């Protein structure tokens, strides 16, 4: 094979590699941007929940790692 043919094959492979890497990085950037938006959205909701939480006075005697039963409508939990 001549040098020109070797350089041509090498250049084509290099261009293909760079193109594929660029595409993969662009897709990762899109995915990362979506994940950042989702994290911010979830953080906002968690912050709102933490602000709105008030202790239930009827359970003041409970300490850590205690369980209790409750019922909501026709469904009851142990």
PDB file of N, CA and C in Angstrom:
ATOM      1  N   UNK A   1       0.848  -1.183   0.000  1.00  0.00           N
ATOM      2  CA  UNK A   1       0.000   0.000   0.000  1.00  0.00           C
ATOM      3  C   UNK A   1       0.894   1.246   0.000  1.00  0.00           C
ATOM      4  N   UNK A   2       0.410   2.216  -0.610  1.00  0.00           N
ATOM      5  CA  UNK A   2       1.193   3.442  -0.686  1.00  0.00           C
ATOM      6  C   UNK A   2       0.929   4.301   0.539  1.00  0.00           C
ATOM      7  N   UNK A   3       1.791   5.281   0.735  1.00  0.00           N
ATOM      8  CA  UNK A   3       1.633   6.180   1.876  1.00  0.00           C
ATOM      9  C   UNK A   3       0.338   6.977   1.767  1.00  0.00           C
ATOM     10  N   UNK A   4      -0.006   7.385   0.564  1.00  0.00           N
ATOM     11  CA  UNK A   4      -1.230   8.169   0.375  1.00  0.00           C
ATOM     12  C   UNK A   4      -2.460   7.379   0.812  1.00  0.00           C
ATOM     13  N   UNK A   5      -2.515   6.099   0.462  1.00  0.00           N
ATOM     14  CA  UNK A   5      -3.637   5.259   0.864  1.00  0.00           C
ATOM     15  C   UNK A   5      -3.673   5.090   2.379  1.00  0.00           C
ATOM     16  N   UNK A   6      -2.527   4.921   3.002  1.00  0.00           N
ATOM     17  CA  UNK A   6      -2.472   4.773   4.463  1.00  0.00           C
ATOM     18  C   UNK A   6      -2.932   6.057   5.160  1.00  0.00           C
ATOM     19  N   UNK A   7      -2.481   7.203   4.660  1.00  0.00           N
ATOM     20  CA  UNK A   7      -2.903   8.479   5.242  1.00  0.00           C
ATOM     21  C   UNK A   7      -4.407   8.701   5.051  1.00  0.00           C
ATOM     22  N   UNK A   8      -4.924   8.299   3.909  1.00  0.00           N
ATOM     23  CA  UNK A   8      -6.361   8.444   3.643  1.00  0.00           C
ATOM     24  C   UNK A   8      -7.175   7.588   4.606  1.00  0.00           C
ATOM     25  N   UNK A   9      -6.782   6.359   4.797  1.00  0.00           N
ATOM     26  CA  UNK A   9      -7.489   5.467   5.725  1.00  0.00           C
ATOM     27  C   UNK A   9      -7.384   6.000   7.149  1.00  0.00           C
ATOM     28  N   UNK A  10      -6.194   6.430   7.525  1.00  0.00           N
ATOM     29  CA  UNK A  10      -6.001   6.997   8.865  1.00  0.00           C
ATOM     30  C   UNK A  10      -6.847   8.231   9.089  1.00  0.00           C
ATOM     31  N   UNK A  11      -6.920   9.097   8.092  1.00  0.00           N
ATOM     32  CA  UNK A  11      -7.727  10.326   8.203  1.00  0.00           C
ATOM     33  C   UNK A  11      -9.207   9.988   8.310  1.00  0.00           C
ATOM     34  N   UNK A  12      -9.673   9.049   7.510  1.00  0.00           N
ATOM     35  CA  UNK A  12     -11.086   8.653   7.564  1.00  0.00           C
ATOM     36  C   UNK A  12     -11.421   8.066   8.933  1.00  0.00           C
ATOM     37  N   UNK A  13     -10.545   7.226   9.461  1.00  0.00           N
ATOM     38  CA  UNK A  13     -10.779   6.660  10.794  1.00  0.00           C
ATOM     39  C   UNK A  13     -10.758   7.736  11.868  1.00  0.00           C
ATOM     40  N   UNK A  14      -9.842   8.676  11.761  1.00  0.00           N
ATOM     41  CA  UNK A  14      -9.760   9.759  12.740  1.00  0.00           C
ATOM     42  C   UNK A  14     -11.004  10.634  12.702  1.00  0.00           C
ATOM     43  N   UNK A  15     -11.464  10.972  11.505  1.00  0.00           N
ATOM     44  CA  UNK A  15     -12.682  11.786  11.372  1.00  0.00           C
ATOM     45  C   UNK A  15     -13.887  11.029  11.934  1.00  0.00           C
ATOM     46  N   UNK A  16     -13.971   9.746  11.661  1.00  0.00           N
ATOM     47  CA  UNK A  16     -15.074   8.949  12.207  1.00  0.00           C
ATOM     48  C   UNK A  16     -15.038   8.891  13.724  1.00  0.00           C
ATOM     49  N   UNK A  17     -13.834   8.721  14.279  1.00  0.00           N
ATOM     50  CA  UNK A  17     -13.679   8.667  15.740  1.00  0.00           C
ATOM     51  C   UNK A  17     -14.072   9.996  16.379  1.00  0.00           C
ATOM     52  N   UNK A  18     -13.586  11.099  15.814  1.00  0.00           N
ATOM     53  CA  UNK A  18     -13.906  12.422  16.352  1.00  0.00           C
ATOM     54  C   UNK A  18     -15.403  12.696  16.227  1.00  0.00           C
ATOM     55  N   UNK A  19     -16.000  12.331  15.105  1.00  0.00           N
ATOM     56  CA  UNK A  19     -17.441  12.542  14.929  1.00  0.00           C
ATOM     57  C   UNK A  19     -18.261  11.744  15.927  1.00  0.00           C
ATOM     58  N   UNK A  20     -17.903  10.490  16.110  1.00  0.00           N
ATOM     59  CA  UNK A  20     -18.630   9.652  17.063  1.00  0.00           C
ATOM     60  C   UNK A  20     -18.459  10.171  18.496  1.00  0.00           C
ATOM     61  N   UNK A  21     -17.256  10.576  18.856  1.00  0.00           N
ATOM     62  CA  UNK A  21     -17.007  11.114  20.202  1.00  0.00           C
ATOM     63  C   UNK A  21     -17.792  12.400  20.414  1.00  0.00           C
ATOM     64  N   UNK A  22     -17.837  13.259  19.419  1.00  0.00           N
ATOM     65  CA  UNK A  22     -18.598  14.506  19.527  1.00  0.00           C
ATOM     66  C   UNK A  22     -20.076  14.221  19.728  1.00  0.00           C
ATOM     67  N   UNK A  23     -20.611  13.287  18.976  1.00  0.00           N
ATOM     68  CA  UNK A  23     -22.022  12.923  19.118  1.00  0.00           C
ATOM     69  C   UNK A  23     -22.301  12.357  20.508  1.00  0.00           C
ATOM     70  N   UNK A  24     -21.430  11.470  20.985  1.00  0.00           N
ATOM     71  CA  UNK A  24     -21.631  10.864  22.308  1.00  0.00           C
ATOM     72  C   UNK A  24     -21.575  11.924  23.402  1.00  0.00           C
ATOM     73  N   UNK A  25     -20.650  12.856  23.313  1.00  0.00           N
ATOM     74  CA  UNK A  25     -20.556  13.917  24.319  1.00  0.00           C
ATOM     75  C   UNK A  25     -21.766  14.851  24.273  1.00  0.00           C
ATOM     76  N   UNK A  26     -22.279  15.119  23.074  1.00  0.00           N
ATOM     77  CA  UNK A  26     -23.474  15.961  22.956  1.00  0.00           C
ATOM     78  C   UNK A  26     -24.677  15.278  23.608  1.00  0.00           C
ATOM     79  N   UNK A  27     -24.822  13.978  23.402  1.00  0.00           N
ATOM     80  CA  UNK A  27     -25.929  13.238  24.027  1.00  0.00           C
ATOM     81  C   UNK A  27     -25.772  13.215  25.546  1.00  0.00           C
ATOM     82  N   UNK A  28     -24.557  13.049  26.023  1.00  0.00           N
ATOM     83  CA  UNK A  28     -24.330  13.075  27.474  1.00  0.00           C
ATOM     84  C   UNK A  28     -24.644  14.446  28.058  1.00  0.00           C
ATOM     85  N   UNK A  29     -24.350  15.494  27.311  1.00  0.00           N
ATOM     86  CA  UNK A  29     -24.661  16.840  27.793  1.00  0.00           C
ATOM     87  C   UNK A  29     -26.170  17.045  27.914  1.00  0.00           C
ATOM     88  N   UNK A  30     -26.927  16.551  26.929  1.00  0.00           N
ATOM     89  CA  UNK A  30     -28.392  16.651  27.002  1.00  0.00           C
ATOM     90  C   UNK A  30     -28.927  15.887  28.205  1.00  0.00           C
ATOM     91  N   UNK A  31     -28.425  14.677  28.408  1.00  0.00           N
ATOM     92  CA  UNK A  31     -28.876  13.856  29.529  1.00  0.00           C
ATOM     93  C   UNK A  31     -28.516  14.522  30.844  1.00  0.00           C
ATOM     94  N   UNK A  32     -27.323  15.074  30.935  1.00  0.00           N
ATOM     95  CA  UNK A  32     -26.891  15.739  32.159  1.00  0.00           C
ATOM     96  C   UNK A  32     -27.755  16.964  32.442  1.00  0.00           C
ATOM     97  N   UNK A  33     -28.098  17.731  31.416  1.00  0.00           N
ATOM     98  CA  UNK A  33     -28.953  18.907  31.608  1.00  0.00           C
ATOM     99  C   UNK A  33     -30.327  18.483  32.129  1.00  0.00           C
ATOM    100  N   UNK A  34     -30.867  17.402  31.585  1.00  0.00           N
ATOM    101  CA  UNK A  34     -32.160  16.896  32.054  1.00  0.00           C
ATOM    102  C   UNK A  34     -32.075  16.472  33.522  1.00  0.00           C
ATOM    103  N   UNK A  35     -30.995  15.774  33.893  1.00  0.00           N
ATOM    104  CA  UNK A  35     -30.841  15.328  35.278  1.00  0.00           C
ATOM    105  C   UNK A  35     -30.706  16.509  36.235  1.00  0.00           C
ATOM    106  N   UNK A  36     -30.016  17.551  35.821  1.00  0.00           N
ATOM    107  CA  UNK A  36     -29.878  18.745  36.670  1.00  0.00           C
ATOM    108  C   UNK A  36     -31.239  19.402  36.872  1.00  0.00           C
ATOM    109  N   UNK A  37     -32.036  19.505  35.813  1.00  0.00           N
ATOM    110  CA  UNK A  37     -33.383  20.074  35.948  1.00  0.00           C
ATOM    111  C   UNK A  37     -34.237  19.233  36.895  1.00  0.00           C
ATOM    112  N   UNK A  38     -34.148  17.915  36.761  1.00  0.00           N
ATOM    113  CA  UNK A  38     -34.933  17.027  37.608  1.00  0.00           C
ATOM    114  C   UNK A  38     -34.505  17.160  39.072  1.00  0.00           C
ATOM    115  N   UNK A  39     -33.212  17.259  39.328  1.00  0.00           N
ATOM    116  CA  UNK A  39     -32.716  17.405  40.694  1.00  0.00           C
ATOM    117  C   UNK A  39     -33.206  18.719  41.299  1.00  0.00           C
ATOM    118  N   UNK A  40     -33.147  19.796  40.533  1.00  0.00           N
ATOM    119  CA  UNK A  40     -33.627  21.088  41.034  1.00  0.00           C
ATOM    120  C   UNK A  40     -35.120  21.045  41.332  1.00  0.00           C
ATOM    121  N   UNK A  41     -35.884  20.409  40.453  1.00  0.00           N
ATOM    122  CA  UNK A  41     -37.325  20.277  40.650  1.00  0.00           C
ATOM    123  C   UNK A  41     -37.623  19.493  41.934  1.00  0.00           C
ATOM    124  N   UNK A  42     -36.934  18.356  42.105  1.00  0.00           N
ATOM    125  CA  UNK A  42     -37.146  17.547  43.304  1.00  0.00           C
ATOM    126  C   UNK A  42     -36.700  18.281  44.557  1.00  0.00           C
ATOM    127  N   UNK A  43     -35.598  19.018  44.487  1.00  0.00           N
ATOM    128  CA  UNK A  43     -35.114  19.764  45.649  1.00  0.00           C
ATOM    129  C   UNK A  43     -36.124  20.831  46.061  1.00  0.00           C
ATOM    130  N   UNK A  44     -36.745  21.472  45.089  1.00  0.00           N
ATOM    131  CA  UNK A  44     -37.759  22.481  45.393  1.00  0.00           C
ATOM    132  C   UNK A  44     -38.941  21.853  46.113  1.00  0.00           C
ATOM    133  N   UNK A  45     -39.389  20.699  45.638  1.00  0.00           N
ATOM    134  CA  UNK A  45     -40.526  20.041  46.282  1.00  0.00           C
ATOM    135  C   UNK A  45     -40.178  19.550  47.676  1.00  0.00           C
ATOM    136  N   UNK A  46     -38.996  19.002  47.840  1.00  0.00           N
ATOM    137  CA  UNK A  46     -38.583  18.539  49.169  1.00  0.00           C
ATOM    138  C   UNK A  46     -38.487  19.718  50.126  1.00  0.00           C
ATOM    139  N   UNK A  47     -37.973  20.843  49.656  1.00  0.00           N
ATOM    140  CA  UNK A  47     -37.887  22.035  50.503  1.00  0.00           C
ATOM    141  C   UNK A  47     -39.280  22.504  50.913  1.00  0.00           C
ATOM    142  N   UNK A  48     -40.235  22.485  49.974  1.00  0.00           N
ATOM    143  CA  UNK A  48     -41.606  22.879  50.302  1.00  0.00           C
ATOM    144  C   UNK A  48     -42.223  21.928  51.313  1.00  0.00           C
ATOM    145  N   UNK A  49     -41.950  20.648  51.175  1.00  0.00           N
ATOM    146  CA  UNK A  49     -42.488  19.666  52.118  1.00  0.00           C
ATOM    147  C   UNK A  49     -41.902  19.898  53.496  1.00  0.00           C
ATOM    148  N   UNK A  50     -40.603  20.138  53.573  1.00  0.00           N
ATOM    149  CA  UNK A  50     -39.965  20.347  54.871  1.00  0.00           C
ATOM    150  C   UNK A  50     -40.463  21.618  55.543  1.00  0.00           C
ATOM    151  N   UNK A  51     -40.774  22.634  54.761  1.00  0.00           N
ATOM    152  CA  UNK A  51     -41.297  23.874  55.341  1.00  0.00           C
ATOM    153  C   UNK A  51     -42.703  23.653  55.894  1.00  0.00           C
ATOM    154  N   UNK A  52     -43.521  22.853  55.195  1.00  0.00           N
ATOM    155  CA  UNK A  52     -44.915  22.667  55.568  1.00  0.00           C
ATOM    156  C   UNK A  52     -45.136  21.601  56.637  1.00  0.00           C
ATOM    157  N   UNK A  53     -44.104  20.868  57.017  1.00  0.00           N
ATOM    158  CA  UNK A  53     -44.274  19.783  57.980  1.00  0.00           C
ATOM    159  C   UNK A  53     -44.416  20.362  59.383  1.00  0.00           C
ATOM    160  N   UNK A  54     -45.448  19.912  60.062  1.00  0.00           N
ATOM    161  CA  UNK A  54     -45.663  20.294  61.452  1.00  0.00           C
ATOM    162  C   UNK A  54     -45.786  19.017  62.264  1.00  0.00           C
ATOM    163  N   UNK A  55     -45.194  19.000  63.452  1.00  0.00           N
ATOM    164  CA  UNK A  55     -45.311  17.794  64.267  1.00  0.00           C
ATOM    165  C   UNK A  55     -46.764  17.551  64.692  1.00  0.00           C
ATOM    166  N   UNK A  56     -47.130  16.300  64.770  1.00  0.00           N
ATOM    167  CA  UNK A  56     -48.477  15.943  65.201  1.00  0.00           C
ATOM    168  C   UNK A  56     -48.458  15.838  66.719  1.00  0.00           C
ATOM    169  N   UNK A  57     -49.236  16.668  67.388  1.00  0.00           N
ATOM    170  CA  UNK A  57     -49.194  16.760  68.848  1.00  0.00           C
ATOM    171  C   UNK A  57     -49.652  15.484  69.534  1.00  0.00           C
ATOM    172  N   UNK A  58     -50.534  14.724  68.908  1.00  0.00           N
ATOM    173  CA  UNK A  58     -51.040  13.524  69.559  1.00  0.00           C
ATOM    174  C   UNK A  58     -49.986  12.435  69.673  1.00  0.00           C
ATOM    175  N   UNK A  59     -48.891  12.529  68.924  1.00  0.00           N
ATOM    176  CA  UNK A  59     -47.837  11.530  68.974  1.00  0.00           C
ATOM    177  C   UNK A  59     -46.614  12.005  69.767  1.00  0.00           C
ATOM    178  N   UNK A  60     -46.798  12.952  70.658  1.00  0.00           N
ATOM    179  CA  UNK A  60     -45.651  13.518  71.372  1.00  0.00           C
ATOM    180  C   UNK A  60     -44.935  12.499  72.246  1.00  0.00           C
ATOM    181  N   UNK A  61     -45.601  11.416  72.645  1.00  0.00           N
ATOM    182  CA  UNK A  61     -44.959  10.415  73.474  1.00  0.00           C
ATOM    183  C   UNK A  61     -44.103   9.433  72.688  1.00  0.00           C
ATOM    184  N   UNK A  62     -44.228   9.439  71.380  1.00  0.00           N
ATOM    185  CA  UNK A  62     -43.442   8.508  70.570  1.00  0.00           C
ATOM    186  C   UNK A  62     -41.992   8.964  70.483  1.00  0.00           C
ATOM    187  N   UNK A  63     -41.087   8.024  70.544  1.00  0.00           N
ATOM    188  CA  UNK A  63     -39.670   8.329  70.347  1.00  0.00           C
ATOM    189  C   UNK A  63     -39.216   7.675  69.055  1.00  0.00           C
ATOM    190  N   UNK A  64     -37.941   7.718  68.784  1.00  0.00           N
ATOM    191  CA  UNK A  64     -37.409   7.199  67.526  1.00  0.00           C
ATOM    192  C   UNK A  64     -37.670   5.699  67.395  1.00  0.00           C
ATOM    193  N   UNK A  65     -37.857   5.256  66.159  1.00  0.00           N
ATOM    194  CA  UNK A  65     -38.035   3.845  65.801  1.00  0.00           C
ATOM    195  C   UNK A  65     -39.270   3.206  66.430  1.00  0.00           C
ATOM    196  N   UNK A  66     -40.308   3.956  66.619  1.00  0.00           N
ATOM    197  CA  UNK A  66     -41.582   3.409  67.110  1.00  0.00           C
ATOM    198  C   UNK A  66     -42.544   3.313  65.938  1.00  0.00           C
ATOM    199  N   UNK A  67     -43.427   2.340  65.977  1.00  0.00           N
ATOM    200  CA  UNK A  67     -44.415   2.214  64.913  1.00  0.00           C
ATOM    201  C   UNK A  67     -45.808   2.405  65.502  1.00  0.00           C
ATOM    202  N   UNK A  68     -46.743   2.722  64.640  1.00  0.00           N
ATOM    203  CA  UNK A  68     -48.113   2.897  65.068  1.00  0.00           C
ATOM    204  C   UNK A  68     -49.029   2.542  63.914  1.00  0.00           C
ATOM    205  N   UNK A  69     -50.286   2.311  64.212  1.00  0.00           N
ATOM    206  CA  UNK A  69     -51.266   1.982  63.185  1.00  0.00           C
ATOM    207  C   UNK A  69     -52.095   3.208  62.850  1.00  0.00           C
ATOM    208  N   UNK A  70     -52.532   3.249  61.626  1.00  0.00           N
ATOM    209  CA  UNK A  70     -53.411   4.348  61.212  1.00  0.00           C
ATOM    210  C   UNK A  70     -54.353   3.813  60.144  1.00  0.00           C
ATOM    211  N   UNK A  71     -55.418   4.531  59.916  1.00  0.00           N
ATOM    212  CA  UNK A  71     -56.348   4.148  58.859  1.00  0.00           C
ATOM    213  C   UNK A  71     -56.752   5.389  58.085  1.00  0.00           C
ATOM    214  N   UNK A  72     -56.923   5.184  56.778  1.00  0.00           N
ATOM    215  CA  UNK A  72     -57.345   6.270  55.895  1.00  0.00           C
ATOM    216  C   UNK A  72     -58.542   5.732  55.120  1.00  0.00           C
ATOM    217  N   UNK A  73     -59.704   6.294  55.405  1.00  0.00           N
ATOM    218  CA  UNK A  73     -60.907   5.824  54.743  1.00  0.00           C
ATOM    219  C   UNK A  73     -61.166   4.372  55.061  1.00  0.00           C
ATOM    220  N   UNK A  74     -61.364   3.551  54.061  1.00  0.00           N
ATOM    221  CA  UNK A  74     -61.652   2.132  54.250  1.00  0.00           C
ATOM    222  C   UNK A  74     -60.385   1.281  54.285  1.00  0.00           C
ATOM    223  N   UNK A  75     -59.214   1.894  54.062  1.00  0.00           N
ATOM    224  CA  UNK A  75     -57.950   1.152  54.051  1.00  0.00           C
ATOM    225  C   UNK A  75     -57.247   1.371  55.376  1.00  0.00           C
ATOM    226  N   UNK A  76     -56.780   0.305  55.992  1.00  0.00           N
ATOM    227  CA  UNK A  76     -56.057   0.465  57.247  1.00  0.00           C
ATOM    228  C   UNK A  76     -54.657  -0.129  57.115  1.00  0.00           C
ATOM    229  N   UNK A  77     -53.723   0.469  57.830  1.00  0.00           N
ATOM    230  CA  UNK A  77     -52.337   0.004  57.811  1.00  0.00           C
ATOM    231  C   UNK A  77     -51.991  -0.545  59.182  1.00  0.00           C
ATOM    232  N   UNK A  78     -51.196  -1.579  59.251  1.00  0.00           N
ATOM    233  CA  UNK A  78     -50.847  -2.143  60.569  1.00  0.00           C
ATOM    234  C   UNK A  78     -49.925  -1.240  61.362  1.00  0.00           C
TER     235      UNK A  78
END
